[in-house]
mmCIF file of all heavy atoms, coordinates in Angstrom:
data_MODEL
# 
_entry.id   MODEL 
# 
loop_
_atom_site.group_PDB 
_atom_site.id 
_atom_site.type_symbol 
_atom_site.label_atom_id 
_atom_site.label_alt_id 
_atom_site.label_comp_id 
_atom_site.label_asym_id 
_atom_site.label_entity_id 
_atom_site.label_seq_id 
_atom_site.pdbx_PDB_ins_code 
_atom_site.Cartn_x 
_atom_site.Cartn_y 
_atom_site.Cartn_z 
_atom_site.occupancy 
_atom_site.B_iso_or_equiv 
_atom_site.pdbx_formal_charge 
_atom_site.auth_seq_id 
_atom_site.auth_comp_id 
_atom_site.auth_asym_id 
_atom_site.auth_atom_id 
_atom_site.pdbx_PDB_model_num 
ATOM 1   N N   . ILE A 1 1  ? 5.160  -0.004 -9.220  1.00 0.00 ? 1  ILE A N   1 
ATOM 2   C CA  . ILE A 1 1  ? 5.201  0.886  -10.376 1.00 0.00 ? 1  ILE A CA  1 
ATOM 3   C C   . ILE A 1 1  ? 5.937  0.230  -11.550 1.00 0.00 ? 1  ILE A C   1 
ATOM 4   O O   . ILE A 1 1  ? 5.461  0.229  -12.684 1.00 0.00 ? 1  ILE A O   1 
ATOM 5   C CB  . ILE A 1 1  ? 5.873  2.220  -9.996  1.00 0.00 ? 1  ILE A CB  1 
ATOM 6   C CG1 . ILE A 1 1  ? 4.990  2.991  -8.993  1.00 0.00 ? 1  ILE A CG1 1 
ATOM 7   C CG2 . ILE A 1 1  ? 6.132  3.083  -11.236 1.00 0.00 ? 1  ILE A CG2 1 
ATOM 8   C CD1 . ILE A 1 1  ? 5.693  4.157  -8.325  1.00 0.00 ? 1  ILE A CD1 1 
ATOM 9   N N   . GLN A 1 2  ? 7.106  -0.356 -11.267 1.00 0.00 ? 2  GLN A N   1 
ATOM 10  C CA  . GLN A 1 2  ? 7.947  -0.885 -12.342 1.00 0.00 ? 2  GLN A CA  1 
ATOM 11  C C   . GLN A 1 2  ? 7.515  -2.259 -12.841 1.00 0.00 ? 2  GLN A C   1 
ATOM 12  O O   . GLN A 1 2  ? 7.538  -2.524 -14.043 1.00 0.00 ? 2  GLN A O   1 
ATOM 13  C CB  . GLN A 1 2  ? 9.403  -0.965 -11.876 1.00 0.00 ? 2  GLN A CB  1 
ATOM 14  C CG  . GLN A 1 2  ? 10.113 0.361  -11.837 1.00 0.00 ? 2  GLN A CG  1 
ATOM 15  C CD  . GLN A 1 2  ? 11.623 0.205  -11.833 1.00 0.00 ? 2  GLN A CD  1 
ATOM 16  O OE1 . GLN A 1 2  ? 12.347 1.115  -11.458 1.00 0.00 ? 2  GLN A OE1 1 
ATOM 17  N NE2 . GLN A 1 2  ? 12.122 -0.933 -12.252 1.00 0.00 ? 2  GLN A NE2 1 
ATOM 18  N N   . ILE A 1 3  ? 7.123  -3.146 -11.920 1.00 0.00 ? 3  ILE A N   1 
ATOM 19  C CA  . ILE A 1 3  ? 6.847  -4.533 -12.303 1.00 0.00 ? 3  ILE A CA  1 
ATOM 20  C C   . ILE A 1 3  ? 5.358  -4.776 -12.489 1.00 0.00 ? 3  ILE A C   1 
ATOM 21  O O   . ILE A 1 3  ? 4.941  -5.465 -13.429 1.00 0.00 ? 3  ILE A O   1 
ATOM 22  C CB  . ILE A 1 3  ? 7.417  -5.511 -11.262 1.00 0.00 ? 3  ILE A CB  1 
ATOM 23  C CG1 . ILE A 1 3  ? 8.912  -5.247 -11.060 1.00 0.00 ? 3  ILE A CG1 1 
ATOM 24  C CG2 . ILE A 1 3  ? 7.172  -6.950 -11.674 1.00 0.00 ? 3  ILE A CG2 1 
ATOM 25  C CD1 . ILE A 1 3  ? 9.754  -5.402 -12.304 1.00 0.00 ? 3  ILE A CD1 1 
ATOM 26  N N   . LYS A 1 4  ? 4.533  -4.235 -11.605 1.00 0.00 ? 4  LYS A N   1 
ATOM 27  C CA  . LYS A 1 4  ? 3.084  -4.455 -11.705 1.00 0.00 ? 4  LYS A CA  1 
ATOM 28  C C   . LYS A 1 4  ? 2.381  -3.400 -12.541 1.00 0.00 ? 4  LYS A C   1 
ATOM 29  O O   . LYS A 1 4  ? 1.162  -3.477 -12.755 1.00 0.00 ? 4  LYS A O   1 
ATOM 30  C CB  . LYS A 1 4  ? 2.470  -4.506 -10.300 1.00 0.00 ? 4  LYS A CB  1 
ATOM 31  C CG  . LYS A 1 4  ? 3.024  -5.636 -9.417  1.00 0.00 ? 4  LYS A CG  1 
ATOM 32  C CD  . LYS A 1 4  ? 2.789  -7.005 -10.017 1.00 0.00 ? 4  LYS A CD  1 
ATOM 33  C CE  . LYS A 1 4  ? 3.270  -8.108 -9.091  1.00 0.00 ? 4  LYS A CE  1 
ATOM 34  N NZ  . LYS A 1 4  ? 3.071  -9.456 -9.682  1.00 0.00 ? 4  LYS A NZ  1 
ATOM 35  N N   . ASP A 1 5  ? 3.140  -2.390 -12.979 1.00 0.00 ? 5  ASP A N   1 
ATOM 36  C CA  . ASP A 1 5  ? 2.633  -1.381 -13.915 1.00 0.00 ? 5  ASP A CA  1 
ATOM 37  C C   . ASP A 1 5  ? 1.424  -0.617 -13.370 1.00 0.00 ? 5  ASP A C   1 
ATOM 38  O O   . ASP A 1 5  ? 0.447  -0.386 -14.082 1.00 0.00 ? 5  ASP A O   1 
ATOM 39  C CB  . ASP A 1 5  ? 2.278  -2.033 -15.256 1.00 0.00 ? 5  ASP A CB  1 
ATOM 40  C CG  . ASP A 1 5  ? 2.179  -1.016 -16.383 1.00 0.00 ? 5  ASP A CG  1 
ATOM 41  O OD1 . ASP A 1 5  ? 2.875  0.008  -16.307 1.00 0.00 ? 5  ASP A OD1 1 
ATOM 42  O OD2 . ASP A 1 5  ? 1.403  -1.251 -17.333 1.00 0.00 ? 5  ASP A OD2 1 
ATOM 43  N N   . VAL A 1 6  ? 1.493  -0.227 -12.085 1.00 0.00 ? 6  VAL A N   1 
ATOM 44  C CA  . VAL A 1 6  ? 0.447  0.617  -11.510 1.00 0.00 ? 6  VAL A CA  1 
ATOM 45  C C   . VAL A 1 6  ? 0.956  2.053  -11.452 1.00 0.00 ? 6  VAL A C   1 
ATOM 46  O O   . VAL A 1 6  ? 2.169  2.307  -11.513 1.00 0.00 ? 6  VAL A O   1 
ATOM 47  C CB  . VAL A 1 6  ? 0.030  0.132  -10.104 1.00 0.00 ? 6  VAL A CB  1 
ATOM 48  C CG1 . VAL A 1 6  ? -0.398 -1.316 -10.141 1.00 0.00 ? 6  VAL A CG1 1 
ATOM 49  C CG2 . VAL A 1 6  ? 1.154  0.328  -9.099  1.00 0.00 ? 6  VAL A CG2 1 
ATOM 50  N N   . SER A 1 7  ? 0.056  2.996  -11.318 1.00 0.00 ? 7  SER A N   1 
ATOM 51  C CA  . SER A 1 7  ? 0.443  4.397  -11.263 1.00 0.00 ? 7  SER A CA  1 
ATOM 52  C C   . SER A 1 7  ? 1.072  4.732  -9.913  1.00 0.00 ? 7  SER A C   1 
ATOM 53  O O   . SER A 1 7  ? 0.929  3.985  -8.938  1.00 0.00 ? 7  SER A O   1 
ATOM 54  C CB  . SER A 1 7  ? -0.778 5.291  -11.491 1.00 0.00 ? 7  SER A CB  1 
ATOM 55  O OG  . SER A 1 7  ? -1.678 5.188  -10.394 1.00 0.00 ? 7  SER A OG  1 
ATOM 56  N N   . GLU A 1 8  ? 1.755  5.865  -9.854  1.00 0.00 ? 8  GLU A N   1 
ATOM 57  C CA  . GLU A 1 8  ? 2.367  6.292  -8.597  1.00 0.00 ? 8  GLU A CA  1 
ATOM 58  C C   . GLU A 1 8  ? 1.316  6.505  -7.515  1.00 0.00 ? 8  GLU A C   1 
ATOM 59  O O   . GLU A 1 8  ? 1.524  6.179  -6.351  1.00 0.00 ? 8  GLU A O   1 
ATOM 60  C CB  . GLU A 1 8  ? 3.183  7.570  -8.820  1.00 0.00 ? 8  GLU A CB  1 
ATOM 61  C CG  . GLU A 1 8  ? 4.433  7.349  -9.650  1.00 0.00 ? 8  GLU A CG  1 
ATOM 62  C CD  . GLU A 1 8  ? 5.180  8.635  -9.934  1.00 0.00 ? 8  GLU A CD  1 
ATOM 63  O OE1 . GLU A 1 8  ? 4.627  9.722  -9.649  1.00 0.00 ? 8  GLU A OE1 1 
ATOM 64  O OE2 . GLU A 1 8  ? 6.324  8.566  -10.444 1.00 0.00 ? 8  GLU A OE2 1 
ATOM 65  N N   . GLY A 1 9  ? 0.161  7.049  -7.911  1.00 0.00 ? 9  GLY A N   1 
ATOM 66  C CA  . GLY A 1 9  ? -0.898 7.282  -6.932  1.00 0.00 ? 9  GLY A CA  1 
ATOM 67  C C   . GLY A 1 9  ? -1.443 5.989  -6.345  1.00 0.00 ? 9  GLY A C   1 
ATOM 68  O O   . GLY A 1 9  ? -1.647 5.887  -5.128  1.00 0.00 ? 9  GLY A O   1 
ATOM 69  N N   . ILE A 1 10 ? -1.677 4.990  -7.208  1.00 0.00 ? 10 ILE A N   1 
ATOM 70  C CA  . ILE A 1 10 ? -2.187 3.706  -6.721  1.00 0.00 ? 10 ILE A CA  1 
ATOM 71  C C   . ILE A 1 10 ? -1.133 3.008  -5.872  1.00 0.00 ? 10 ILE A C   1 
ATOM 72  O O   . ILE A 1 10 ? -1.447 2.402  -4.840  1.00 0.00 ? 10 ILE A O   1 
ATOM 73  C CB  . ILE A 1 10 ? -2.626 2.821  -7.899  1.00 0.00 ? 10 ILE A CB  1 
ATOM 74  C CG1 . ILE A 1 10 ? -3.867 3.426  -8.570  1.00 0.00 ? 10 ILE A CG1 1 
ATOM 75  C CG2 . ILE A 1 10 ? -2.916 1.399  -7.431  1.00 0.00 ? 10 ILE A CG2 1 
ATOM 76  C CD1 . ILE A 1 10 ? -4.320 2.680  -9.807  1.00 0.00 ? 10 ILE A CD1 1 
ATOM 77  N N   . ALA A 1 11 ? 0.137  3.089  -6.288  1.00 0.00 ? 11 ALA A N   1 
ATOM 78  C CA  . ALA A 1 11 ? 1.211  2.472  -5.505  1.00 0.00 ? 11 ALA A CA  1 
ATOM 79  C C   . ALA A 1 11 ? 1.282  3.078  -4.112  1.00 0.00 ? 11 ALA A C   1 
ATOM 80  O O   . ALA A 1 11 ? 1.443  2.368  -3.110  1.00 0.00 ? 11 ALA A O   1 
ATOM 81  C CB  . ALA A 1 11 ? 2.541  2.644  -6.230  1.00 0.00 ? 11 ALA A CB  1 
ATOM 82  N N   . THR A 1 12 ? 1.146  4.404  -4.024  1.00 0.00 ? 12 THR A N   1 
ATOM 83  C CA  . THR A 1 12 ? 1.140  5.067  -2.723  1.00 0.00 ? 12 THR A CA  1 
ATOM 84  C C   . THR A 1 12 ? -0.051 4.626  -1.889  1.00 0.00 ? 12 THR A C   1 
ATOM 85  O O   . THR A 1 12 ? 0.073  4.380  -0.684  1.00 0.00 ? 12 THR A O   1 
ATOM 86  C CB  . THR A 1 12 ? 1.109  6.599  -2.910  1.00 0.00 ? 12 THR A CB  1 
ATOM 87  O OG1 . THR A 1 12 ? 2.278  7.004  -3.627  1.00 0.00 ? 12 THR A OG1 1 
ATOM 88  C CG2 . THR A 1 12 ? 1.063  7.311  -1.564  1.00 0.00 ? 12 THR A CG2 1 
ATOM 89  N N   . GLY A 1 13 ? -1.223 4.510  -2.532  1.00 0.00 ? 13 GLY A N   1 
ATOM 90  C CA  . GLY A 1 13 ? -2.414 4.061  -1.817  1.00 0.00 ? 13 GLY A CA  1 
ATOM 91  C C   . GLY A 1 13 ? -2.278 2.642  -1.291  1.00 0.00 ? 13 GLY A C   1 
ATOM 92  O O   . GLY A 1 13 ? -2.666 2.358  -0.152  1.00 0.00 ? 13 GLY A O   1 
ATOM 93  N N   . LEU A 1 14 ? -1.700 1.750  -2.086  1.00 0.00 ? 14 LEU A N   1 
ATOM 94  C CA  . LEU A 1 14 ? -1.492 0.368  -1.640  1.00 0.00 ? 14 LEU A CA  1 
ATOM 95  C C   . LEU A 1 14 ? -0.471 0.308  -0.500  1.00 0.00 ? 14 LEU A C   1 
ATOM 96  O O   . LEU A 1 14 ? -0.623 -0.485 0.433   1.00 0.00 ? 14 LEU A O   1 
ATOM 97  C CB  . LEU A 1 14 ? -1.030 -0.498 -2.811  1.00 0.00 ? 14 LEU A CB  1 
ATOM 98  C CG  . LEU A 1 14 ? -2.106 -0.822 -3.857  1.00 0.00 ? 14 LEU A CG  1 
ATOM 99  C CD1 . LEU A 1 14 ? -1.471 -1.431 -5.105  1.00 0.00 ? 14 LEU A CD1 1 
ATOM 100 C CD2 . LEU A 1 14 ? -3.145 -1.772 -3.272  1.00 0.00 ? 14 LEU A CD2 1 
ATOM 101 N N   . PHE A 1 15 ? 0.551  1.137  -0.593  1.00 0.00 ? 15 PHE A N   1 
ATOM 102 C CA  . PHE A 1 15 ? 1.552  1.192  0.478   1.00 0.00 ? 15 PHE A CA  1 
ATOM 103 C C   . PHE A 1 15 ? 0.906  1.663  1.782   1.00 0.00 ? 15 PHE A C   1 
ATOM 104 O O   . PHE A 1 15 ? 1.171  1.120  2.855   1.00 0.00 ? 15 PHE A O   1 
ATOM 105 C CB  . PHE A 1 15 ? 2.675  2.135  0.060   1.00 0.00 ? 15 PHE A CB  1 
ATOM 106 C CG  . PHE A 1 15 ? 3.923  2.032  0.900   1.00 0.00 ? 15 PHE A CG  1 
ATOM 107 C CD1 . PHE A 1 15 ? 4.595  0.835  1.047   1.00 0.00 ? 15 PHE A CD1 1 
ATOM 108 C CD2 . PHE A 1 15 ? 4.451  3.163  1.522   1.00 0.00 ? 15 PHE A CD2 1 
ATOM 109 C CE1 . PHE A 1 15 ? 5.759  0.744  1.802   1.00 0.00 ? 15 PHE A CE1 1 
ATOM 110 C CE2 . PHE A 1 15 ? 5.605  3.097  2.270   1.00 0.00 ? 15 PHE A CE2 1 
ATOM 111 C CZ  . PHE A 1 15 ? 6.266  1.879  2.408   1.00 0.00 ? 15 PHE A CZ  1 
ATOM 112 N N   . SER A 1 16 ? 0.036  2.653  1.693   1.00 0.00 ? 16 SER A N   1 
ATOM 113 C CA  . SER A 1 16 ? -0.685 3.127  2.870   1.00 0.00 ? 16 SER A CA  1 
ATOM 114 C C   . SER A 1 16 ? -1.643 2.062  3.394   1.00 0.00 ? 16 SER A C   1 
ATOM 115 O O   . SER A 1 16 ? -1.790 1.890  4.606   1.00 0.00 ? 16 SER A O   1 
ATOM 116 C CB  . SER A 1 16 ? -1.448 4.409  2.542   1.00 0.00 ? 16 SER A CB  1 
ATOM 117 O OG  . SER A 1 16 ? -0.567 5.475  2.281   1.00 0.00 ? 16 SER A OG  1 
ATOM 118 N N   . ALA A 1 17 ? -2.295 1.326  2.482   1.00 0.00 ? 17 ALA A N   1 
ATOM 119 C CA  . ALA A 1 17 ? -3.199 0.253  2.902   1.00 0.00 ? 17 ALA A CA  1 
ATOM 120 C C   . ALA A 1 17 ? -2.441 -0.841 3.641   1.00 0.00 ? 17 ALA A C   1 
ATOM 121 O O   . ALA A 1 17 ? -2.949 -1.436 4.601   1.00 0.00 ? 17 ALA A O   1 
ATOM 122 C CB  . ALA A 1 17 ? -3.914 -0.334 1.686   1.00 0.00 ? 17 ALA A CB  1 
ATOM 123 N N   . PHE A 1 18 ? -1.224 -1.118 3.204   1.00 0.00 ? 18 PHE A N   1 
ATOM 124 C CA  . PHE A 1 18 ? -0.355 -2.087 3.873   1.00 0.00 ? 18 PHE A CA  1 
ATOM 125 C C   . PHE A 1 18 ? -0.191 -1.713 5.350   1.00 0.00 ? 18 PHE A C   1 
ATOM 126 O O   . PHE A 1 18 ? -0.354 -2.542 6.252   1.00 0.00 ? 18 PHE A O   1 
ATOM 127 C CB  . PHE A 1 18 ? 0.992  -2.114 3.150   1.00 0.00 ? 18 PHE A CB  1 
ATOM 128 C CG  . PHE A 1 18 ? 2.082  -2.866 3.861   1.00 0.00 ? 18 PHE A CG  1 
ATOM 129 C CD1 . PHE A 1 18 ? 2.135  -4.248 3.815   1.00 0.00 ? 18 PHE A CD1 1 
ATOM 130 C CD2 . PHE A 1 18 ? 3.077  -2.186 4.548   1.00 0.00 ? 18 PHE A CD2 1 
ATOM 131 C CE1 . PHE A 1 18 ? 3.159  -4.949 4.445   1.00 0.00 ? 18 PHE A CE1 1 
ATOM 132 C CE2 . PHE A 1 18 ? 4.097  -2.867 5.181   1.00 0.00 ? 18 PHE A CE2 1 
ATOM 133 C CZ  . PHE A 1 18 ? 4.131  -4.248 5.130   1.00 0.00 ? 18 PHE A CZ  1 
ATOM 134 N N   . PHE A 1 19 ? 0.113  -0.455 5.615   1.00 0.00 ? 19 PHE A N   1 
ATOM 135 C CA  . PHE A 1 19 ? 0.312  -0.018 6.992   1.00 0.00 ? 19 PHE A CA  1 
ATOM 136 C C   . PHE A 1 19 ? -1.009 0.167  7.730   1.00 0.00 ? 19 PHE A C   1 
ATOM 137 O O   . PHE A 1 19 ? -1.076 -0.016 8.948   1.00 0.00 ? 19 PHE A O   1 
ATOM 138 C CB  . PHE A 1 19 ? 1.129  1.274  7.022   1.00 0.00 ? 19 PHE A CB  1 
ATOM 139 C CG  . PHE A 1 19 ? 2.567  1.076  6.646   1.00 0.00 ? 19 PHE A CG  1 
ATOM 140 C CD1 . PHE A 1 19 ? 3.066  1.565  5.448   1.00 0.00 ? 19 PHE A CD1 1 
ATOM 141 C CD2 . PHE A 1 19 ? 3.425  0.377  7.476   1.00 0.00 ? 19 PHE A CD2 1 
ATOM 142 C CE1 . PHE A 1 19 ? 4.389  1.367  5.093   1.00 0.00 ? 19 PHE A CE1 1 
ATOM 143 C CE2 . PHE A 1 19 ? 4.751  0.171  7.127   1.00 0.00 ? 19 PHE A CE2 1 
ATOM 144 C CZ  . PHE A 1 19 ? 5.239  0.671  5.938   1.00 0.00 ? 19 PHE A CZ  1 
ATOM 145 N N   . ALA A 1 20 ? -2.059 0.536  7.000   1.00 0.00 ? 20 ALA A N   1 
ATOM 146 C CA  . ALA A 1 20 ? -3.369 0.674  7.643   1.00 0.00 ? 20 ALA A CA  1 
ATOM 147 C C   . ALA A 1 20 ? -3.812 -0.649 8.245   1.00 0.00 ? 20 ALA A C   1 
ATOM 148 O O   . ALA A 1 20 ? -4.367 -0.700 9.355   1.00 0.00 ? 20 ALA A O   1 
ATOM 149 C CB  . ALA A 1 20 ? -4.396 1.184  6.637   1.00 0.00 ? 20 ALA A CB  1 
ATOM 150 N N   . THR A 1 21 ? -3.569 -1.742 7.529   1.00 0.00 ? 21 THR A N   1 
ATOM 151 C CA  . THR A 1 21 ? -3.909 -3.060 8.059   1.00 0.00 ? 21 THR A CA  1 
ATOM 152 C C   . THR A 1 21 ? -3.105 -3.356 9.314   1.00 0.00 ? 21 THR A C   1 
ATOM 153 O O   . THR A 1 21 ? -3.580 -4.025 10.234  1.00 0.00 ? 21 THR A O   1 
ATOM 154 C CB  . THR A 1 21 ? -3.658 -4.140 7.000   1.00 0.00 ? 21 THR A CB  1 
ATOM 155 O OG1 . THR A 1 21 ? -4.307 -3.761 5.774   1.00 0.00 ? 21 THR A OG1 1 
ATOM 156 C CG2 . THR A 1 21 ? -4.193 -5.483 7.445   1.00 0.00 ? 21 THR A CG2 1 
ATOM 157 N N   . GLY A 1 22 ? -1.879 -2.823 9.362   1.00 0.00 ? 22 GLY A N   1 
ATOM 158 C CA  . GLY A 1 22 ? -1.048 -3.017 10.549  1.00 0.00 ? 22 GLY A CA  1 
ATOM 159 C C   . GLY A 1 22 ? -1.632 -2.400 11.806  1.00 0.00 ? 22 GLY A C   1 
ATOM 160 O O   . GLY A 1 22 ? -1.310 -2.830 12.921  1.00 0.00 ? 22 GLY A O   1 
ATOM 161 N N   . ILE A 1 23 ? -2.495 -1.403 11.656  1.00 0.00 ? 23 ILE A N   1 
ATOM 162 C CA  . ILE A 1 23 ? -3.146 -0.802 12.820  1.00 0.00 ? 23 ILE A CA  1 
ATOM 163 C C   . ILE A 1 23 ? -3.989 -1.845 13.555  1.00 0.00 ? 23 ILE A C   1 
ATOM 164 O O   . ILE A 1 23 ? -4.132 -1.810 14.774  1.00 0.00 ? 23 ILE A O   1 
ATOM 165 C CB  . ILE A 1 23 ? -4.018 0.399  12.384  1.00 0.00 ? 23 ILE A CB  1 
ATOM 166 C CG1 . ILE A 1 23 ? -3.141 1.490  11.755  1.00 0.00 ? 23 ILE A CG1 1 
ATOM 167 C CG2 . ILE A 1 23 ? -4.790 0.975  13.564  1.00 0.00 ? 23 ILE A CG2 1 
ATOM 168 C CD1 . ILE A 1 23 ? -3.933 2.623  11.131  1.00 0.00 ? 23 ILE A CD1 1 
ATOM 169 N N   . VAL A 1 24 ? -4.543 -2.785 12.797  1.00 0.00 ? 24 VAL A N   1 
ATOM 170 C CA  . VAL A 1 24 ? -5.307 -3.884 13.386  1.00 0.00 ? 24 VAL A CA  1 
ATOM 171 C C   . VAL A 1 24 ? -4.384 -5.023 13.804  1.00 0.00 ? 24 VAL A C   1 
ATOM 172 O O   . VAL A 1 24 ? -4.531 -5.616 14.877  1.00 0.00 ? 24 VAL A O   1 
ATOM 173 C CB  . VAL A 1 24 ? -6.368 -4.398 12.389  1.00 0.00 ? 24 VAL A CB  1 
ATOM 174 C CG1 . VAL A 1 24 ? -7.121 -5.586 12.970  1.00 0.00 ? 24 VAL A CG1 1 
ATOM 175 C CG2 . VAL A 1 24 ? -7.338 -3.279 12.017  1.00 0.00 ? 24 VAL A CG2 1 
ATOM 176 N N   . VAL A 1 25 ? -3.409 -5.315 12.957  1.00 0.00 ? 25 VAL A N   1 
ATOM 177 C CA  . VAL A 1 25 ? -2.541 -6.468 13.173  1.00 0.00 ? 25 VAL A CA  1 
ATOM 178 C C   . VAL A 1 25 ? -1.713 -6.332 14.451  1.00 0.00 ? 25 VAL A C   1 
ATOM 179 O O   . VAL A 1 25 ? -1.617 -7.277 15.251  1.00 0.00 ? 25 VAL A O   1 
ATOM 180 C CB  . VAL A 1 25 ? -1.602 -6.668 11.961  1.00 0.00 ? 25 VAL A CB  1 
ATOM 181 C CG1 . VAL A 1 25 ? -0.504 -7.683 12.274  1.00 0.00 ? 25 VAL A CG1 1 
ATOM 182 C CG2 . VAL A 1 25 ? -2.399 -7.121 10.745  1.00 0.00 ? 25 VAL A CG2 1 
ATOM 183 N N   . GLN A 1 26 ? -1.122 -5.174 14.697  1.00 0.00 ? 26 GLN A N   1 
ATOM 184 C CA  . GLN A 1 26 ? -0.158 -5.066 15.791  1.00 0.00 ? 26 GLN A CA  1 
ATOM 185 C C   . GLN A 1 26 ? -0.769 -5.172 17.191  1.00 0.00 ? 26 GLN A C   1 
ATOM 186 O O   . GLN A 1 26 ? -0.221 -5.897 18.033  1.00 0.00 ? 26 GLN A O   1 
ATOM 187 C CB  . GLN A 1 26 ? 0.663  -3.789 15.641  1.00 0.00 ? 26 GLN A CB  1 
ATOM 188 C CG  . GLN A 1 26 ? 1.624  -3.908 14.461  1.00 0.00 ? 26 GLN A CG  1 
ATOM 189 C CD  . GLN A 1 26 ? 2.609  -2.784 14.374  1.00 0.00 ? 26 GLN A CD  1 
ATOM 190 O OE1 . GLN A 1 26 ? 2.278  -1.638 14.646  1.00 0.00 ? 26 GLN A OE1 1 
ATOM 191 N NE2 . GLN A 1 26 ? 3.831  -3.088 13.955  1.00 0.00 ? 26 GLN A NE2 1 
ATOM 192 N N   . PRO A 1 27 ? -1.877 -4.488 17.495  1.00 0.00 ? 27 PRO A N   1 
ATOM 193 C CA  . PRO A 1 27 ? -2.478 -4.741 18.811  1.00 0.00 ? 27 PRO A CA  1 
ATOM 194 C C   . PRO A 1 27 ? -2.909 -6.193 18.983  1.00 0.00 ? 27 PRO A C   1 
ATOM 195 O O   . PRO A 1 27 ? -2.811 -6.757 20.077  1.00 0.00 ? 27 PRO A O   1 
ATOM 196 C CB  . PRO A 1 27 ? -3.690 -3.797 18.845  1.00 0.00 ? 27 PRO A CB  1 
ATOM 197 C CG  . PRO A 1 27 ? -3.363 -2.725 17.877  1.00 0.00 ? 27 PRO A CG  1 
ATOM 198 C CD  . PRO A 1 27 ? -2.584 -3.408 16.783  1.00 0.00 ? 27 PRO A CD  1 
# 
C-alpha cells in the first residue's frame, strides 16, 4: 500500500495469493 501504491483491496488479494500458493508449496 505505502511503497508500491496499490489499493487496500489489491494488497489483501496479493497477501491471500501468497498463502494460496503455499497450499501447493507445503505438501
